[in-house]
Amino acid sequence: MAIYLEGLLWYLFLLDCLVYNIMCWSKGKWHHQETHWLSDYFPLHRFWGLFYLFLVLWTGFALYRMQLIVFW
């Protein structure tokens, strides 16, 4: 099985998306951050977390259909 750059980048985005959503849904319990680690322009908000998750999963589904990523 070949490893493609698109697949590797998608897995990194998926990891970032999961961390972002965990930070959104646990705000105030485990931490008091108000923004994403990347920039102050990305506030921690549940709606944007779900929207980000939707976009990442949609992109992953497209890459899966093109057979650029696989799930074992």
N, C-alpha and C. Protein backbone atom coordinates (compact mmCIF):
# COMPACT_ATOMS: atom_id res chain seq x y z
N MET A 1 0.82 -1.17 0.00
CA MET A 1 0.00 0.00 0.00
C MET A 1 0.88 1.25 0.00
N ALA A 2 0.58 2.15 -0.87
CA ALA A 2 1.33 3.39 -0.96
C ALA A 2 0.73 4.43 -0.02
N ILE A 3 1.58 5.28 0.51
CA ILE A 3 1.13 6.37 1.37
C ILE A 3 1.21 7.65 0.56
N TYR A 4 0.08 8.32 0.42
CA TYR A 4 0.02 9.54 -0.37
C TYR A 4 0.06 10.76 0.54
N LEU A 5 0.57 11.85 0.01
CA LEU A 5 0.66 13.09 0.77
C LEU A 5 -0.72 13.59 1.18
N GLU A 6 -1.71 13.45 0.30
CA GLU A 6 -3.06 13.89 0.62
C GLU A 6 -3.62 13.14 1.82
N GLY A 7 -3.36 11.85 1.86
CA GLY A 7 -3.83 11.04 2.98
C GLY A 7 -3.16 11.42 4.28
N LEU A 8 -1.86 11.65 4.23
CA LEU A 8 -1.11 12.05 5.42
C LEU A 8 -1.61 13.41 5.94
N LEU A 9 -1.82 14.36 5.04
CA LEU A 9 -2.34 15.65 5.45
C LEU A 9 -3.75 15.53 6.03
N TRP A 10 -4.56 14.65 5.45
CA TRP A 10 -5.91 14.48 5.97
C TRP A 10 -5.88 13.90 7.38
N TYR A 11 -5.01 12.95 7.63
CA TYR A 11 -4.90 12.40 8.99
C TYR A 11 -4.45 13.47 9.98
N LEU A 12 -3.57 14.36 9.57
CA LEU A 12 -3.14 15.46 10.45
C LEU A 12 -4.30 16.43 10.71
N PHE A 13 -5.07 16.74 9.68
CA PHE A 13 -6.25 17.59 9.88
C PHE A 13 -7.29 16.90 10.76
N LEU A 14 -7.45 15.60 10.61
CA LEU A 14 -8.39 14.87 11.46
C LEU A 14 -7.95 14.93 12.92
N LEU A 15 -6.67 14.77 13.16
CA LEU A 15 -6.16 14.86 14.53
C LEU A 15 -6.39 16.26 15.10
N ASP A 16 -6.09 17.29 14.31
CA ASP A 16 -6.32 18.66 14.75
C ASP A 16 -7.80 18.91 15.01
N CYS A 17 -8.66 18.39 14.16
CA CYS A 17 -10.09 18.56 14.32
C CYS A 17 -10.59 17.90 15.60
N LEU A 18 -10.10 16.71 15.89
CA LEU A 18 -10.51 16.03 17.12
C LEU A 18 -10.05 16.78 18.36
N VAL A 19 -8.82 17.28 18.34
CA VAL A 19 -8.32 18.06 19.47
C VAL A 19 -9.13 19.34 19.62
N TYR A 20 -9.44 20.00 18.52
CA TYR A 20 -10.24 21.22 18.56
C TYR A 20 -11.61 20.95 19.17
N ASN A 21 -12.26 19.86 18.75
CA ASN A 21 -13.58 19.54 19.29
C ASN A 21 -13.52 19.16 20.76
N ILE A 22 -12.50 18.46 21.16
CA ILE A 22 -12.35 18.15 22.58
C ILE A 22 -12.18 19.43 23.39
N MET A 23 -11.40 20.36 22.86
CA MET A 23 -11.21 21.63 23.55
C MET A 23 -12.51 22.44 23.58
N CYS A 24 -13.31 22.37 22.51
CA CYS A 24 -14.58 23.11 22.49
C CYS A 24 -15.56 22.55 23.51
N TRP A 25 -15.68 21.25 23.57
CA TRP A 25 -16.69 20.64 24.42
C TRP A 25 -16.25 20.54 25.88
N SER A 26 -14.96 20.76 26.17
CA SER A 26 -14.50 20.68 27.55
C SER A 26 -14.05 22.03 28.09
N LYS A 27 -14.41 23.11 27.41
CA LYS A 27 -13.99 24.44 27.83
C LYS A 27 -14.57 24.76 29.21
N GLY A 28 -13.72 25.18 30.11
CA GLY A 28 -14.15 25.49 31.46
C GLY A 28 -13.97 24.35 32.44
N LYS A 29 -13.92 23.12 31.94
CA LYS A 29 -13.74 21.96 32.81
C LYS A 29 -12.26 21.65 33.00
N TRP A 30 -11.54 21.56 31.90
CA TRP A 30 -10.13 21.17 31.95
C TRP A 30 -9.17 22.31 31.62
N HIS A 31 -9.67 23.34 30.97
CA HIS A 31 -8.80 24.45 30.57
C HIS A 31 -9.65 25.71 30.45
N HIS A 32 -9.00 26.84 30.30
CA HIS A 32 -9.70 28.11 30.18
C HIS A 32 -9.27 28.87 28.93
N GLN A 33 -8.84 28.15 27.90
CA GLN A 33 -8.45 28.80 26.66
C GLN A 33 -9.69 29.26 25.90
N GLU A 34 -9.55 30.34 25.17
CA GLU A 34 -10.66 30.89 24.40
C GLU A 34 -10.45 30.76 22.90
N THR A 35 -9.22 30.47 22.46
CA THR A 35 -8.93 30.40 21.03
C THR A 35 -8.16 29.13 20.70
N HIS A 36 -8.10 28.84 19.42
CA HIS A 36 -7.36 27.70 18.89
C HIS A 36 -5.87 28.00 19.03
N TRP A 37 -5.06 26.96 19.08
CA TRP A 37 -3.61 27.15 19.26
C TRP A 37 -2.97 27.84 18.07
N LEU A 38 -3.57 27.75 16.90
CA LEU A 38 -2.97 28.28 15.69
C LEU A 38 -3.05 29.80 15.61
N SER A 39 -4.19 30.36 15.99
CA SER A 39 -4.38 31.79 15.81
C SER A 39 -5.51 32.29 16.70
N ASP A 40 -5.49 33.58 16.99
CA ASP A 40 -6.58 34.19 17.74
C ASP A 40 -7.83 34.37 16.88
N TYR A 41 -7.73 34.14 15.58
CA TYR A 41 -8.88 34.30 14.70
C TYR A 41 -9.81 33.09 14.73
N PHE A 42 -9.41 32.00 15.38
CA PHE A 42 -10.24 30.80 15.45
C PHE A 42 -10.72 30.60 16.88
N PRO A 43 -11.87 31.17 17.24
CA PRO A 43 -12.35 31.02 18.61
C PRO A 43 -12.85 29.59 18.85
N LEU A 44 -12.81 29.18 20.11
CA LEU A 44 -13.33 27.87 20.47
C LEU A 44 -14.84 28.00 20.61
N HIS A 45 -15.56 27.42 19.66
CA HIS A 45 -17.01 27.45 19.68
C HIS A 45 -17.52 26.12 19.18
N ARG A 46 -18.56 25.62 19.79
CA ARG A 46 -19.07 24.28 19.45
C ARG A 46 -19.58 24.19 18.02
N PHE A 47 -20.25 25.24 17.55
CA PHE A 47 -20.74 25.22 16.17
C PHE A 47 -19.59 25.09 15.19
N TRP A 48 -18.53 25.89 15.36
CA TRP A 48 -17.40 25.83 14.44
C TRP A 48 -16.67 24.50 14.56
N GLY A 49 -16.67 23.92 15.75
CA GLY A 49 -16.07 22.60 15.92
C GLY A 49 -16.81 21.54 15.12
N LEU A 50 -18.13 21.57 15.19
CA LEU A 50 -18.93 20.60 14.42
C LEU A 50 -18.82 20.85 12.92
N PHE A 51 -18.78 22.13 12.54
CA PHE A 51 -18.62 22.47 11.13
C PHE A 51 -17.27 22.00 10.60
N TYR A 52 -16.22 22.20 11.39
CA TYR A 52 -14.87 21.76 11.03
C TYR A 52 -14.83 20.23 10.92
N LEU A 53 -15.49 19.54 11.85
CA LEU A 53 -15.55 18.09 11.80
C LEU A 53 -16.29 17.61 10.55
N PHE A 54 -17.39 18.26 10.21
CA PHE A 54 -18.14 17.91 9.01
C PHE A 54 -17.28 18.06 7.76
N LEU A 55 -16.56 19.19 7.65
CA LEU A 55 -15.72 19.41 6.47
C LEU A 55 -14.58 18.40 6.37
N VAL A 56 -13.97 18.06 7.50
CA VAL A 56 -12.88 17.09 7.49
C VAL A 56 -13.40 15.70 7.12
N LEU A 57 -14.55 15.32 7.67
CA LEU A 57 -15.11 14.01 7.33
C LEU A 57 -15.56 13.95 5.87
N TRP A 58 -16.11 15.04 5.36
CA TRP A 58 -16.52 15.10 3.97
C TRP A 58 -15.31 14.95 3.04
N THR A 59 -14.23 15.65 3.36
CA THR A 59 -13.00 15.53 2.59
C THR A 59 -12.43 14.12 2.69
N GLY A 60 -12.47 13.54 3.89
CA GLY A 60 -11.99 12.17 4.07
C GLY A 60 -12.80 11.17 3.27
N PHE A 61 -14.12 11.37 3.20
CA PHE A 61 -14.94 10.47 2.41
C PHE A 61 -14.58 10.56 0.93
N ALA A 62 -14.31 11.78 0.44
CA ALA A 62 -13.90 11.96 -0.96
C ALA A 62 -12.55 11.29 -1.21
N LEU A 63 -11.61 11.45 -0.29
CA LEU A 63 -10.30 10.80 -0.45
C LEU A 63 -10.42 9.28 -0.38
N TYR A 64 -11.32 8.80 0.46
CA TYR A 64 -11.54 7.36 0.56
C TYR A 64 -12.12 6.81 -0.75
N ARG A 65 -13.04 7.55 -1.34
CA ARG A 65 -13.63 7.10 -2.61
C ARG A 65 -12.61 7.11 -3.75
N MET A 66 -11.63 8.01 -3.66
CA MET A 66 -10.55 8.05 -4.65
C MET A 66 -9.44 7.05 -4.31
N GLN A 67 -9.61 6.34 -3.21
CA GLN A 67 -8.68 5.32 -2.73
C GLN A 67 -7.30 5.91 -2.41
N LEU A 68 -7.31 7.12 -1.85
CA LEU A 68 -6.05 7.74 -1.42
C LEU A 68 -5.81 7.52 0.07
N ILE A 69 -6.87 7.21 0.81
CA ILE A 69 -6.71 6.83 2.22
C ILE A 69 -7.48 5.52 2.43
N VAL A 70 -7.03 4.78 3.39
CA VAL A 70 -7.70 3.52 3.71
C VAL A 70 -7.87 3.44 5.23
N PHE A 71 -8.88 2.72 5.63
CA PHE A 71 -9.11 2.44 7.04
C PHE A 71 -8.98 0.93 7.21
N TRP A 72 -8.15 0.53 8.14
CA TRP A 72 -7.93 -0.90 8.31
C TRP A 72 -8.97 -1.50 9.17
